[in-house]
N, C-alpha and C. Protein backbone atom coordinates (compact mmCIF):
# COMPACT_ATOMS: atom_id res chain seq x y z
N MET A 1 5.83 4.85 21.54
CA MET A 1 6.86 2.89 21.14
C MET A 1 6.04 2.60 20.20
N ILE A 2 6.71 2.77 18.87
CA ILE A 2 6.10 1.75 17.79
C ILE A 2 5.40 0.73 18.01
N GLN A 3 5.43 -0.16 18.92
CA GLN A 3 4.97 -1.33 19.50
C GLN A 3 3.81 -1.18 19.74
N GLU A 4 3.28 -0.31 20.67
CA GLU A 4 1.87 0.27 20.73
C GLU A 4 0.78 0.39 20.09
N HIS A 5 1.85 1.33 18.75
CA HIS A 5 0.86 1.89 17.18
C HIS A 5 0.51 1.08 16.67
N TYR A 6 1.99 -0.15 16.62
CA TYR A 6 1.26 -1.14 15.88
C TYR A 6 0.38 -2.07 16.19
N GLN A 7 0.44 -2.36 17.47
CA GLN A 7 -0.50 -3.01 18.18
C GLN A 7 -2.09 -2.22 17.85
N LYS A 8 -2.19 -1.42 18.12
CA LYS A 8 -3.65 -0.84 18.07
C LYS A 8 -3.85 -1.06 16.19
N ALA A 9 -3.11 -0.19 15.41
CA ALA A 9 -3.43 -0.36 13.95
C ALA A 9 -3.65 -1.80 13.89
N ILE A 10 -2.93 -2.62 13.84
CA ILE A 10 -3.35 -4.07 13.00
C ILE A 10 -4.59 -4.22 13.99
N LYS A 11 -4.55 -4.23 15.37
CA LYS A 11 -6.13 -4.82 16.25
C LYS A 11 -7.59 -4.22 15.05
N PHE A 12 -7.11 -2.77 14.79
CA PHE A 12 -8.14 -2.27 14.49
C PHE A 12 -8.18 -2.43 12.67
N ALA A 13 -6.88 -2.91 12.18
CA ALA A 13 -7.33 -3.09 10.76
C ALA A 13 -7.79 -4.94 10.49
N GLY A 14 -7.59 -5.38 11.61
CA GLY A 14 -7.89 -7.08 12.02
C GLY A 14 -9.18 -6.95 11.94
N GLU A 15 -10.04 -6.12 12.92
CA GLU A 15 -11.17 -5.76 13.21
C GLU A 15 -12.01 -5.63 11.49
N LYS A 16 -11.71 -4.53 11.05
CA LYS A 16 -12.18 -4.46 9.84
C LYS A 16 -11.57 -5.10 8.21
N HIS A 17 -11.05 -6.13 8.60
CA HIS A 17 -10.85 -6.92 7.19
C HIS A 17 -11.33 -7.86 7.49
N SER A 18 -11.62 -8.04 8.92
CA SER A 18 -11.67 -9.96 9.16
C SER A 18 -12.27 -10.80 8.13
N LYS A 19 -13.30 -10.65 7.56
CA LYS A 19 -13.91 -11.51 6.43
C LYS A 19 -13.23 -11.50 4.98
N GLN A 20 -11.81 -10.55 5.16
CA GLN A 20 -11.16 -10.76 3.83
C GLN A 20 -10.30 -11.29 4.19
N LYS A 21 -10.12 -12.09 2.12
CA LYS A 21 -8.99 -12.96 1.90
C LYS A 21 -8.17 -12.11 0.67
N VAL A 22 -6.56 -12.58 1.17
CA VAL A 22 -5.60 -12.14 -0.10
C VAL A 22 -6.02 -12.75 -1.45
N PRO A 23 -6.42 -11.77 -2.88
CA PRO A 23 -7.05 -12.60 -3.37
C PRO A 23 -5.99 -13.37 -3.83
N GLY A 24 -6.79 -14.10 -4.47
CA GLY A 24 -6.11 -15.48 -5.03
C GLY A 24 -5.99 -16.34 -4.05
N SER A 25 -5.98 -16.51 -3.11
CA SER A 25 -5.56 -17.41 -1.88
C SER A 25 -6.46 -17.46 -0.55
N SER A 26 -6.50 -18.50 0.28
CA SER A 26 -7.39 -18.17 1.14
C SER A 26 -6.99 -17.36 2.38
N ALA A 27 -6.09 -17.16 2.55
CA ALA A 27 -5.31 -16.03 3.81
C ALA A 27 -5.75 -14.90 3.96
N ASN A 28 -5.90 -14.57 5.42
CA ASN A 28 -6.82 -13.44 5.68
C ASN A 28 -5.75 -11.91 5.08
N TYR A 29 -6.23 -10.89 4.92
CA TYR A 29 -6.16 -9.96 4.58
C TYR A 29 -4.71 -9.28 5.70
N LEU A 30 -4.89 -10.02 6.75
CA LEU A 30 -3.94 -9.39 8.04
C LEU A 30 -2.54 -9.32 7.20
N LEU A 31 -2.36 -10.64 6.80
CA LEU A 31 -1.36 -11.21 5.75
C LEU A 31 -0.12 -10.24 4.89
N HIS A 32 -1.57 -9.93 3.92
CA HIS A 32 -1.08 -8.31 3.19
C HIS A 32 -0.29 -7.17 4.41
N LEU A 33 -1.33 -7.28 5.01
CA LEU A 33 -0.76 -5.67 5.89
C LEU A 33 0.15 -5.78 6.56
N SER A 34 0.79 -6.82 7.57
CA SER A 34 1.57 -7.16 8.16
C SER A 34 3.04 -6.96 7.04
N ASN A 35 2.85 -7.90 5.71
CA ASN A 35 3.81 -6.96 4.99
C ASN A 35 4.18 -6.32 4.55
N VAL A 36 3.27 -5.37 4.14
CA VAL A 36 3.72 -4.11 3.88
C VAL A 36 4.28 -2.84 4.85
N ALA A 37 3.86 -3.24 6.46
CA ALA A 37 4.76 -2.97 7.51
C ALA A 37 5.93 -3.61 7.42
N MET A 38 6.26 -4.90 6.97
CA MET A 38 7.58 -5.47 7.30
C MET A 38 8.46 -4.57 6.16
N GLU A 39 7.89 -4.61 5.00
CA GLU A 39 8.39 -3.03 4.20
C GLU A 39 9.18 -2.01 4.64
N VAL A 40 8.40 -1.62 5.61
CA VAL A 40 8.48 -0.41 6.12
C VAL A 40 9.60 -0.59 6.86
N LEU A 41 9.83 -1.58 7.92
CA LEU A 41 10.35 -1.53 8.77
C LEU A 41 11.52 -2.08 8.36
N VAL A 42 11.81 -2.41 7.06
CA VAL A 42 13.29 -2.73 6.55
C VAL A 42 13.58 -2.26 5.95
N ALA A 43 12.68 -0.62 5.20
CA ALA A 43 13.54 -0.09 4.78
C ALA A 43 13.58 1.35 5.99
N TYR A 44 13.47 0.81 6.86
CA TYR A 44 14.24 2.37 7.86
C TYR A 44 15.37 1.76 8.44
N GLN A 45 15.46 -0.01 8.30
CA GLN A 45 17.14 -0.82 9.06
C GLN A 45 17.74 0.20 7.98
N ASN A 46 17.24 0.47 6.44
CA ASN A 46 18.53 0.69 6.09
C ASN A 46 18.38 2.29 5.84
N LYS A 47 17.48 2.95 6.01
CA LYS A 47 17.59 4.54 6.10
C LYS A 47 16.85 5.38 6.71
N PRO A 48 17.32 5.09 8.09
CA PRO A 48 16.24 5.65 9.51
C PRO A 48 15.72 7.53 8.46
N ASP A 49 14.86 7.90 7.73
CA ASP A 49 15.46 9.17 7.59
C ASP A 49 13.81 9.46 7.31
N PHE A 50 13.11 8.79 8.27
CA PHE A 50 11.80 9.15 7.95
C PHE A 50 10.57 8.31 9.28
N ASP A 51 9.26 9.49 9.68
CA ASP A 51 8.84 9.06 10.87
C ASP A 51 8.52 7.66 10.55
N LEU A 52 8.86 6.47 11.05
CA LEU A 52 8.35 4.88 11.37
C LEU A 52 7.13 4.89 11.96
N VAL A 53 7.03 5.60 13.19
CA VAL A 53 5.40 5.23 13.84
C VAL A 53 4.49 5.61 12.40
N PHE A 54 4.64 7.49 12.30
CA PHE A 54 3.57 7.25 10.93
C PHE A 54 3.79 5.94 10.01
N ALA A 55 4.69 5.55 9.47
CA ALA A 55 4.79 4.72 7.86
C ALA A 55 3.85 3.98 8.89
N VAL A 56 4.19 3.18 9.54
CA VAL A 56 3.55 1.46 10.03
C VAL A 56 2.52 1.58 10.27
N GLN A 57 1.90 2.63 10.90
CA GLN A 57 0.69 3.09 11.05
C GLN A 57 -0.38 2.75 9.37
N LEU A 58 0.53 3.80 8.50
CA LEU A 58 -0.62 4.04 7.56
C LEU A 58 -0.24 2.78 6.47
N ALA A 59 0.61 2.16 6.92
CA ALA A 59 1.11 0.40 5.82
C ALA A 59 -0.25 -0.75 6.78
N LEU A 60 -0.44 -0.61 7.89
CA LEU A 60 -1.02 -1.78 8.98
C LEU A 60 -2.57 -0.77 7.88
N LEU A 61 -2.84 0.65 7.75
CA LEU A 61 -4.32 0.77 7.88
C LEU A 61 -4.48 1.55 6.37
N HIS A 62 -4.03 1.05 5.92
CA HIS A 62 -3.69 1.84 4.08
C HIS A 62 -5.03 1.69 3.21
N ASP A 63 -5.11 0.11 3.33
CA ASP A 63 -6.66 -0.51 2.71
C ASP A 63 -8.16 -0.04 3.16
N THR A 64 -8.03 0.26 5.02
CA THR A 64 -9.31 0.61 5.57
C THR A 64 -10.45 0.78 4.72
N LEU A 65 -10.92 2.04 4.82
CA LEU A 65 -11.13 2.74 3.26
C LEU A 65 -11.60 2.40 2.31
N GLU A 66 -10.57 1.75 1.23
CA GLU A 66 -10.57 1.19 0.45
C GLU A 66 -11.69 -0.02 0.00
N ASP A 67 -11.43 -0.76 1.02
CA ASP A 67 -11.90 -1.90 1.02
C ASP A 67 -12.94 -2.19 2.11
N THR A 68 -13.53 -1.67 3.42
CA THR A 68 -13.98 -1.71 4.54
C THR A 68 -15.23 -0.28 4.61
N ASP A 69 -15.82 -0.51 5.42
CA ASP A 69 -16.83 0.13 5.76
C ASP A 69 -16.34 1.25 6.75
N THR A 70 -14.93 1.33 6.56
CA THR A 70 -14.95 2.49 8.22
C THR A 70 -14.68 3.77 7.15
N SER A 71 -15.02 4.63 8.15
CA SER A 71 -15.40 5.98 7.73
C SER A 71 -13.64 7.29 7.99
N PHE A 72 -13.90 8.27 6.89
CA PHE A 72 -13.14 8.79 7.11
C PHE A 72 -13.09 9.22 9.05
N GLU A 73 -13.77 9.65 9.36
CA GLU A 73 -14.52 10.26 10.50
C GLU A 73 -13.29 9.24 11.62
N ALA A 74 -13.73 8.48 11.14
CA ALA A 74 -13.35 7.37 12.49
C ALA A 74 -12.15 6.83 12.83
N LEU A 75 -11.80 6.75 11.36
CA LEU A 75 -10.09 7.19 11.56
C LEU A 75 -9.77 8.05 11.53
N THR A 76 -9.69 9.01 11.62
CA THR A 76 -9.65 10.31 12.17
C THR A 76 -9.57 10.41 14.26
N ASN A 77 -10.59 9.76 14.43
CA ASN A 77 -11.09 9.80 15.31
C ASN A 77 -10.05 8.54 15.81
N GLU A 78 -9.83 8.00 15.52
CA GLU A 78 -8.74 6.68 16.07
C GLU A 78 -7.78 7.37 16.32
N PHE A 79 -6.64 7.29 15.16
CA PHE A 79 -5.72 7.43 14.99
C PHE A 79 -5.04 8.80 14.03
N GLY A 80 -5.92 10.10 14.04
CA GLY A 80 -5.69 11.94 13.87
C GLY A 80 -5.65 11.75 12.73
N LEU A 81 -5.83 13.36 11.92
CA LEU A 81 -6.32 13.90 11.29
C LEU A 81 -4.99 13.55 9.34
N ALA A 82 -3.64 12.88 10.62
CA ALA A 82 -2.45 12.95 9.54
C ALA A 82 -2.61 11.26 8.99
N ILE A 83 -2.60 10.50 9.90
CA ILE A 83 -3.32 9.46 9.32
C ILE A 83 -4.24 8.92 8.24
N ALA A 84 -5.62 10.00 9.24
CA ALA A 84 -6.40 9.31 7.85
C ALA A 84 -6.47 10.21 6.43
N LYS A 85 -5.62 10.83 6.19
CA LYS A 85 -5.13 12.00 5.50
C LYS A 85 -4.36 10.98 4.13
N GLY A 86 -3.48 10.64 4.46
CA GLY A 86 -2.82 9.68 4.40
C GLY A 86 -3.78 8.41 3.75
N VAL A 87 -4.45 7.58 4.65
CA VAL A 87 -5.23 6.72 4.20
C VAL A 87 -5.66 6.96 2.92
N GLN A 88 -6.25 8.46 3.16
CA GLN A 88 -7.64 8.66 1.70
C GLN A 88 -7.00 8.58 0.82
N ALA A 89 -5.35 9.33 0.69
CA ALA A 89 -4.40 9.36 -0.28
C ALA A 89 -3.91 8.28 -0.95
N LEU A 90 -4.20 7.37 -0.11
CA LEU A 90 -3.49 6.00 -1.02
C LEU A 90 -4.95 5.22 -1.43
N THR A 91 -6.13 6.01 -0.80
CA THR A 91 -7.44 5.08 -1.39
C THR A 91 -8.17 5.43 -2.78
N LYS A 92 -8.03 4.45 -3.91
CA LYS A 92 -8.51 5.04 -5.36
C LYS A 92 -9.83 4.82 -4.90
N ASP A 93 -10.21 6.52 -5.94
CA ASP A 93 -11.66 7.58 -6.16
C ASP A 93 -12.66 6.78 -7.03
N VAL A 94 -13.52 5.78 -6.49
CA VAL A 94 -14.26 5.61 -7.50
C VAL A 94 -15.01 6.38 -8.90
N THR A 95 -14.81 7.54 -8.20
CA THR A 95 -15.87 8.31 -9.28
C THR A 95 -14.99 8.08 -10.48
N PHE A 96 -14.21 8.30 -10.74
CA PHE A 96 -12.87 8.40 -12.20
C PHE A 96 -13.41 6.83 -12.65
N SER A 97 -13.41 7.52 -14.03
CA SER A 97 -13.97 6.08 -14.89
C SER A 97 -13.19 4.85 -15.17
N THR A 98 -11.97 5.00 -14.94
CA THR A 98 -10.74 3.71 -15.38
C THR A 98 -9.61 3.92 -14.98
N LYS A 99 -9.53 2.72 -14.31
CA LYS A 99 -7.99 1.71 -13.69
C LYS A 99 -6.96 3.00 -13.03
N ARG A 100 -6.75 3.50 -14.50
CA ARG A 100 -5.50 4.28 -15.11
C ARG A 100 -6.01 5.22 -14.03
N GLU A 101 -7.03 6.24 -14.41
CA GLU A 101 -7.39 7.63 -14.19
C GLU A 101 -7.75 7.58 -12.35
N ARG A 102 -7.98 6.67 -11.62
CA ARG A 102 -7.69 6.20 -10.74
C ARG A 102 -6.59 6.30 -9.77
N MET A 103 -5.17 5.57 -10.16
CA MET A 103 -4.40 5.48 -9.81
C MET A 103 -3.72 6.81 -10.05
N LEU A 104 -3.89 7.35 -11.26
CA LEU A 104 -3.33 8.55 -11.66
C LEU A 104 -3.07 9.73 -10.14
N ASP A 105 -4.60 9.85 -10.02
CA ASP A 105 -5.38 10.79 -8.74
C ASP A 105 -4.73 10.33 -8.00
N SER A 106 -4.50 8.94 -7.31
CA SER A 106 -4.27 8.66 -6.31
C SER A 106 -2.62 9.13 -5.81
N LEU A 107 -2.44 9.12 -6.82
CA LEU A 107 -0.76 8.94 -7.29
C LEU A 107 -0.28 10.43 -6.75
N GLU A 108 -1.17 11.79 -7.42
CA GLU A 108 -0.94 12.86 -7.36
C GLU A 108 -1.72 13.50 -5.72
N ARG A 109 -2.43 13.07 -4.89
CA ARG A 109 -2.90 13.02 -4.14
C ARG A 109 -1.94 12.35 -2.91
N ILE A 110 -0.87 11.34 -2.79
CA ILE A 110 -0.02 11.02 -2.66
C ILE A 110 1.32 11.86 -2.45
N ASN A 111 1.51 12.30 -3.74
CA ASN A 111 2.38 13.27 -3.76
C ASN A 111 2.37 14.89 -3.06
N THR A 112 1.65 14.90 -2.83
CA THR A 112 0.68 16.60 -2.05
C THR A 112 0.82 16.46 -0.46
N LEU A 113 1.40 14.86 -0.08
CA LEU A 113 1.72 14.76 1.23
C LEU A 113 3.11 14.69 2.05
N GLU A 114 2.62 13.88 3.09
CA GLU A 114 4.58 13.34 3.66
C GLU A 114 4.92 12.42 2.98
N LYS A 115 6.36 12.16 3.11
CA LYS A 115 7.11 11.28 2.20
C LYS A 115 6.29 9.58 2.45
N GLU A 116 6.11 9.69 3.73
CA GLU A 116 5.40 8.06 4.46
C GLU A 116 4.61 7.44 3.89
N VAL A 117 3.88 8.30 3.52
CA VAL A 117 2.99 7.84 2.31
C VAL A 117 3.60 7.38 1.02
N GLY A 118 3.74 8.17 0.33
CA GLY A 118 4.34 7.42 -0.93
C GLY A 118 5.20 6.15 -0.60
N LEU A 119 6.36 6.19 0.60
CA LEU A 119 6.72 4.90 0.85
C LEU A 119 5.70 4.05 1.06
N VAL A 120 4.61 3.86 1.84
CA VAL A 120 3.67 3.06 2.02
C VAL A 120 2.83 2.72 0.66
N LYS A 121 2.79 3.46 -0.46
CA LYS A 121 2.41 2.86 -1.12
C LYS A 121 3.67 1.73 -2.44
N LEU A 122 4.68 2.88 -2.20
CA LEU A 122 5.81 1.82 -2.73
C LEU A 122 5.72 0.28 -2.36
N ALA A 123 6.00 0.36 -0.84
CA ALA A 123 6.01 -0.98 -0.43
C ALA A 123 4.79 -1.70 -0.90
N ASP A 124 3.62 -0.63 -0.48
CA ASP A 124 2.17 -2.37 -1.22
C ASP A 124 2.97 -2.99 -2.04
N ARG A 125 2.95 -2.33 -2.97
CA ARG A 125 2.78 -2.63 -4.46
C ARG A 125 4.02 -3.85 -4.42
N ILE A 126 5.04 -3.84 -3.88
CA ILE A 126 6.30 -4.63 -3.16
C ILE A 126 5.55 -5.57 -3.41
N THR A 127 4.63 -5.82 -2.65
CA THR A 127 4.19 -6.97 -1.52
C THR A 127 2.90 -7.62 -2.32
N ASN A 128 2.36 -6.92 -3.43
CA ASN A 128 1.60 -7.19 -3.84
C ASN A 128 2.23 -7.56 -5.96
N LEU A 129 3.01 -7.60 -5.90
CA LEU A 129 3.81 -8.05 -7.27
C LEU A 129 4.78 -9.71 -6.76
N GLN A 130 3.33 -10.48 -6.28
CA GLN A 130 3.41 -11.84 -6.15
C GLN A 130 3.32 -12.51 -7.49
N GLN A 131 3.20 -13.99 -7.21
CA GLN A 131 2.57 -14.79 -8.57
C GLN A 131 1.09 -14.77 -8.79
N PRO A 132 1.06 -13.53 -9.56
CA PRO A 132 -0.47 -13.29 -9.78
C PRO A 132 -1.38 -14.25 -10.07
N PRO A 133 -2.76 -14.24 -9.05
CA PRO A 133 -4.12 -14.84 -9.69
C PRO A 133 -4.32 -15.88 -10.60
N SER A 134 -4.39 -16.94 -9.96
CA SER A 134 -4.63 -18.46 -11.40
C SER A 134 -5.65 -17.41 -12.85
N THR A 135 -6.54 -16.53 -11.62
CA THR A 135 -7.86 -15.94 -12.84
C THR A 135 -7.46 -15.00 -13.55
N TRP A 136 -5.88 -14.45 -13.30
CA TRP A 136 -5.43 -13.15 -13.54
C TRP A 136 -5.63 -13.90 -15.48
N GLU A 137 -6.34 -13.31 -16.52
CA GLU A 137 -4.90 -13.02 -18.04
C GLU A 137 -4.09 -12.23 -18.42
N SER A 138 -3.49 -13.03 -19.14
CA SER A 138 -2.10 -12.36 -19.70
C SER A 138 -2.32 -10.44 -19.74
N SER A 139 -3.46 -9.62 -20.39
CA SER A 139 -3.33 -8.99 -20.53
C SER A 139 -4.07 -7.95 -18.94
N LYS A 140 -3.99 -8.52 -17.85
CA LYS A 140 -4.32 -7.91 -16.76
C LYS A 140 -2.98 -8.16 -15.83
N ILE A 141 -1.98 -9.10 -16.14
CA ILE A 141 -0.45 -9.04 -15.86
C ILE A 141 -0.05 -8.37 -15.50
N LYS A 142 0.19 -7.49 -17.40
CA LYS A 142 0.50 -6.91 -17.66
C LYS A 142 0.15 -5.65 -17.55
N ALA A 143 -0.74 -5.13 -17.74
CA ALA A 143 -1.08 -4.03 -16.65
C ALA A 143 -0.89 -4.26 -15.58
N TYR A 144 -0.93 -4.72 -15.08
CA TYR A 144 -0.28 -4.65 -13.66
C TYR A 144 0.64 -4.25 -13.23
N ALA A 145 2.09 -4.82 -14.02
CA ALA A 145 3.48 -4.68 -14.06
C ALA A 145 3.46 -3.44 -14.54
N GLU A 146 2.75 -2.62 -15.49
CA GLU A 146 2.92 -1.57 -16.39
C GLU A 146 2.51 -0.09 -15.46
N GLU A 147 1.20 -0.17 -14.09
CA GLU A 147 1.36 0.57 -12.95
C GLU A 147 1.72 0.16 -12.27
N ALA A 148 2.77 -0.54 -11.36
CA ALA A 148 4.16 -0.50 -10.51
C ALA A 148 4.44 -0.07 -11.42
N MET A 149 5.58 0.07 -12.70
CA MET A 149 5.97 0.98 -13.09
C MET A 149 6.18 1.70 -12.84
N LEU A 150 4.50 2.79 -13.35
CA LEU A 150 4.00 4.31 -13.26
C LEU A 150 4.22 4.49 -11.51
N ILE A 151 3.58 3.63 -10.38
CA ILE A 151 4.15 3.91 -9.14
C ILE A 151 5.85 4.34 -8.52
N ALA A 152 6.58 3.28 -9.60
CA ALA A 152 8.03 3.97 -9.29
C ALA A 152 8.58 5.09 -10.17
N GLU A 153 7.85 5.18 -11.08
CA GLU A 153 8.48 6.50 -12.37
C GLU A 153 7.84 8.20 -10.78
N THR A 154 6.70 8.07 -10.74
CA THR A 154 5.88 8.22 -9.82
C THR A 154 6.51 9.33 -8.28
N LEU A 155 6.54 8.01 -7.55
CA LEU A 155 6.84 8.36 -6.48
C LEU A 155 8.58 7.70 -5.77
N ARG A 156 9.64 8.18 -6.82
CA ARG A 156 11.04 7.61 -7.03
C ARG A 156 11.76 8.32 -5.97
N ASP A 157 11.56 9.17 -5.52
CA ASP A 157 11.84 10.50 -4.31
C ASP A 157 11.53 10.01 -3.45
N LYS A 158 10.98 8.74 -2.85
CA LYS A 158 9.66 8.87 -1.73
C LYS A 158 10.79 8.08 -1.01
N ASN A 159 11.35 6.80 -1.55
CA ASN A 159 12.37 5.95 -0.79
C ASN A 159 13.40 5.25 -1.84
N GLU A 160 14.59 5.56 -1.77
CA GLU A 160 15.60 5.25 -2.63
C GLU A 160 15.50 3.43 -2.12
N TYR A 161 15.92 2.90 -1.15
CA TYR A 161 15.45 1.27 -1.14
C TYR A 161 14.40 0.95 -2.10
N LEU A 162 13.31 1.25 -1.21
CA LEU A 162 12.05 0.63 -1.51
C LEU A 162 11.98 1.00 -3.16
N ASN A 163 12.22 1.84 -3.63
CA ASN A 163 12.25 2.00 -4.93
C ASN A 163 13.02 1.25 -6.15
N GLU A 164 13.91 1.06 -5.71
CA GLU A 164 15.11 0.13 -5.86
C GLU A 164 14.31 -1.44 -6.11
N ARG A 165 13.84 -1.35 -4.43
CA ARG A 165 13.37 -2.25 -4.22
C ARG A 165 11.91 -2.73 -5.30
N LEU A 166 11.26 -2.35 -5.45
CA LEU A 166 10.15 -2.51 -6.46
C LEU A 166 10.54 -2.07 -7.93
N LEU A 167 10.94 -1.55 -8.62
CA LEU A 167 12.20 -1.75 -9.68
C LEU A 167 11.91 -3.28 -10.11
N ASN A 168 13.55 -3.88 -8.86
CA ASN A 168 13.95 -5.38 -9.11
C ASN A 168 12.63 -6.11 -8.98
N LYS A 169 11.52 -5.61 -7.77
CA LYS A 169 10.10 -6.57 -8.21
C LYS A 169 9.26 -7.24 -9.14
N ILE A 170 9.75 -5.54 -10.04
CA ILE A 170 8.35 -5.70 -11.66
C ILE A 170 9.41 -6.35 -12.72
N GLN A 171 10.68 -6.14 -12.84
CA GLN A 171 11.64 -7.16 -13.62
C GLN A 171 11.33 -8.50 -13.20
N ALA A 172 11.23 -9.27 -12.18
CA ALA A 172 11.35 -10.65 -11.92
C ALA A 172 9.23 -10.39 -12.22
N TYR A 173 8.53 -9.82 -11.94
CA TYR A 173 7.14 -9.98 -11.75
C TYR A 173 6.78 -10.41 -13.65
N LYS A 174 7.82 -9.52 -14.73
CA LYS A 174 7.74 -9.71 -15.91
C LYS A 174 7.34 -11.43 -16.49
N LYS A 175 7.88 -12.15 -15.51
CA LYS A 175 8.34 -13.43 -15.58
C LYS A 175 6.90 -13.69 -15.77
N HIS A 176 5.80 -13.58 -15.36
CA HIS A 176 4.51 -13.67 -15.11
C HIS A 176 3.82 -13.13 -16.85
N VAL A 177 4.44 -12.60 -17.31
CA VAL A 177 3.70 -12.18 -18.37
C VAL A 177 4.30 -12.80 -19.83
N ASN A 178 3.12 -13.46 -20.02
CA ASN A 178 2.85 -14.20 -21.41
C ASN A 178 3.02 -13.24 -22.49
């Protein structure tokens, strides 16, 4: 049942991200993770053509390799190889020198895996296209919107509902670009 998988994944993520805040706020990072999972749940209500249990676990765990000390092996042992590989694909490789190269590499790896991995990336960016932190300069806000468009274009075939939602969020986000 999805509830047990959700509870296990959010507990794991909550422990791993316990000291992390949503950038630009004092909110616990679980807010972001649960918002990504909520986007996945609503997409499933719209069109139930993907593995919801797999996608929700990916949504809740998608930043554990990138933002915490969680190892690939620990993730595999706790949630299985498919989840660990999905989270790994959603994790940017810091050996690439530019943000664009990191994103392109991640998108390439995402596209080699199940569509659930790609739809989690769409949901992640949807939830991130909120009011940008006040510390962000206009150039960073513009670059973030452009990167979101790259995500939408590269992953457009993963989930029609989420892709359309992302395109609408990008359009609305442009009001923050000066």
